[in-house]
Amino acid sequence: MSFDGPEPDYVDGELKERYLGSIPHFEATERLIDLFRSWKQSHSLYAYTEVTLRLSPTKYRIADVAVFRGRPKGKYPSEPTAFAIEVVSEDDRWLDIQTKLYEYHQWGVTHVWLVDPWTRKLHVCDNTGLHEVVALEAPEFSLKFAAADIFVD
């Protein structure tokens, strides 16, 4: 099957539209990949963009940035990633974003992050919900990214 725009997510038999990225989306995504590259050697963190993740036999989600501890296995990884990061596109619906983030969290992703280049805000999804934060942190890797590290002026 081919699509005119970005490949959609597949959720319980339904195709879920994803929106085209713009320059702010692309720059934030690229910067995240660059930041994780520096952690690849010391922590075996492998960061990829636009990875199709198999959350269940009927649920495939495409992460803007997926970071694996070690090289991922298979065409569509079915083990939770260390990080799943969504970067807001200007046409994204808030409810759709939240749903996707909660699905990543329920699947077992350790760090579920939301990066919004439009408001230059950062969020974390955890057991208590979605929260705005001043920096994205992963203490087990001694990793901390502030907004200034991610957003290009």
Foldseek 3Di string as FASTA:
>chain_A
DDDPADAFWFAQNDTHDDDDADPQQVQLLVLVQVQCVVCCVVQVKHKDAQAWAPLDPRTTDTARIFIARHDADDRHGHQQGQEGEHEDGPPDDPVVVQVVQVSSVVSPHNWYKYAYSVVLWIWTQYPVGIDTDQWGDDVVSPDIGGSVSRGDD
